Amino acid sequence: MLANILFFSVILSGLATLGMLFAGLISMSRNVESSVEGGRRSNRLMGWRVRLQFLTIVLILLWYLASRS
């Protein structure tokens, strides 16, 4: 039961990470004039992507441990 919940959480966090990656790519492609505000937005999105990647890795490890037992 716990392994199923963790697996679903891994899928959701992976999709959120992918969405944040695409949001950052779109933000960079629209930032033609290289303004300071665009750079801050890009750094903010990158920070959120890194946090989501960390969460996804932790959830994968927890899912692995829960599914072994």
Protein backbone atom coordinates (compact mmCIF):
# COMPACT_ATOMS: atom_id res chain seq x y z
CA MET A 1 0.00 0.00 0.00
CA LEU A 2 2.73 2.47 0.97
CA ALA A 3 4.76 1.49 -2.11
CA ASN A 4 1.81 2.34 -4.36
CA ILE A 5 1.37 5.76 -2.77
CA LEU A 6 5.09 6.48 -3.08
CA PHE A 7 5.09 5.32 -6.71
CA PHE A 8 2.25 7.73 -7.48
CA SER A 9 4.16 10.49 -5.67
CA VAL A 10 7.28 9.74 -7.72
CA ILE A 11 5.29 10.03 -10.95
CA LEU A 12 3.73 13.35 -9.85
CA SER A 13 7.02 14.87 -8.71
CA GLY A 14 8.73 13.71 -11.91
CA LEU A 15 6.04 15.36 -14.01
CA ALA A 16 6.31 18.53 -11.91
CA THR A 17 10.08 18.54 -12.49
CA LEU A 18 9.56 18.09 -16.22
CA GLY A 19 7.02 20.91 -16.23
CA MET A 20 9.43 23.20 -14.41
CA LEU A 21 12.17 22.31 -16.91
CA PHE A 22 9.93 23.26 -19.83
CA ALA A 23 8.83 26.45 -18.05
CA GLY A 24 12.48 27.44 -17.71
CA LEU A 25 13.22 26.64 -21.34
CA ILE A 26 10.25 28.68 -22.52
CA SER A 27 11.24 31.52 -20.22
CA MET A 28 14.78 31.53 -21.62
CA SER A 29 13.57 31.44 -25.22
CA ARG A 30 11.28 34.43 -24.66
CA ASN A 31 14.00 36.43 -22.91
CA VAL A 32 15.45 38.00 -26.05
CA GLU A 33 16.72 41.26 -24.57
CA SER A 34 18.55 39.59 -21.64
CA SER A 35 17.07 41.86 -19.02
CA VAL A 36 17.87 41.57 -15.33
CA GLU A 37 14.28 40.60 -14.58
CA GLY A 38 14.43 37.74 -17.09
CA GLY A 39 17.63 36.47 -15.51
CA ARG A 40 16.07 36.52 -12.06
CA ARG A 41 13.04 34.63 -13.32
CA SER A 42 15.29 32.05 -14.96
CA ASN A 43 17.31 31.59 -11.74
CA ARG A 44 14.11 31.25 -9.70
CA LEU A 45 12.77 28.58 -12.04
CA MET A 46 16.11 26.76 -11.96
CA GLY A 47 16.05 26.79 -8.15
CA TRP A 48 12.58 25.26 -8.10
CA ARG A 49 13.64 22.63 -10.65
CA VAL A 50 16.61 21.62 -8.49
CA ARG A 51 14.36 21.35 -5.41
CA LEU A 52 11.86 19.21 -7.33
CA GLN A 53 14.66 16.98 -8.60
CA PHE A 54 15.89 16.47 -5.04
CA LEU A 55 12.34 15.63 -3.91
CA THR A 56 11.96 13.16 -6.77
CA ILE A 57 15.23 11.40 -5.90
CA VAL A 58 14.25 11.15 -2.23
CA LEU A 59 10.85 9.74 -3.18
CA ILE A 60 12.46 7.20 -5.52
CA LEU A 61 14.72 6.01 -2.70
CA LEU A 62 11.77 5.76 -0.30
CA TRP A 63 9.72 3.89 -2.91
CA TYR A 64 12.60 1.47 -3.46
CA LEU A 65 12.93 0.80 0.25
CA ALA A 66 9.17 0.37 0.68
CA SER A 67 8.85 -1.99 -2.26
CA ARG A 68 11.64 -4.27 -1.05
CA SER A 69 9.75 -5.34 2.04
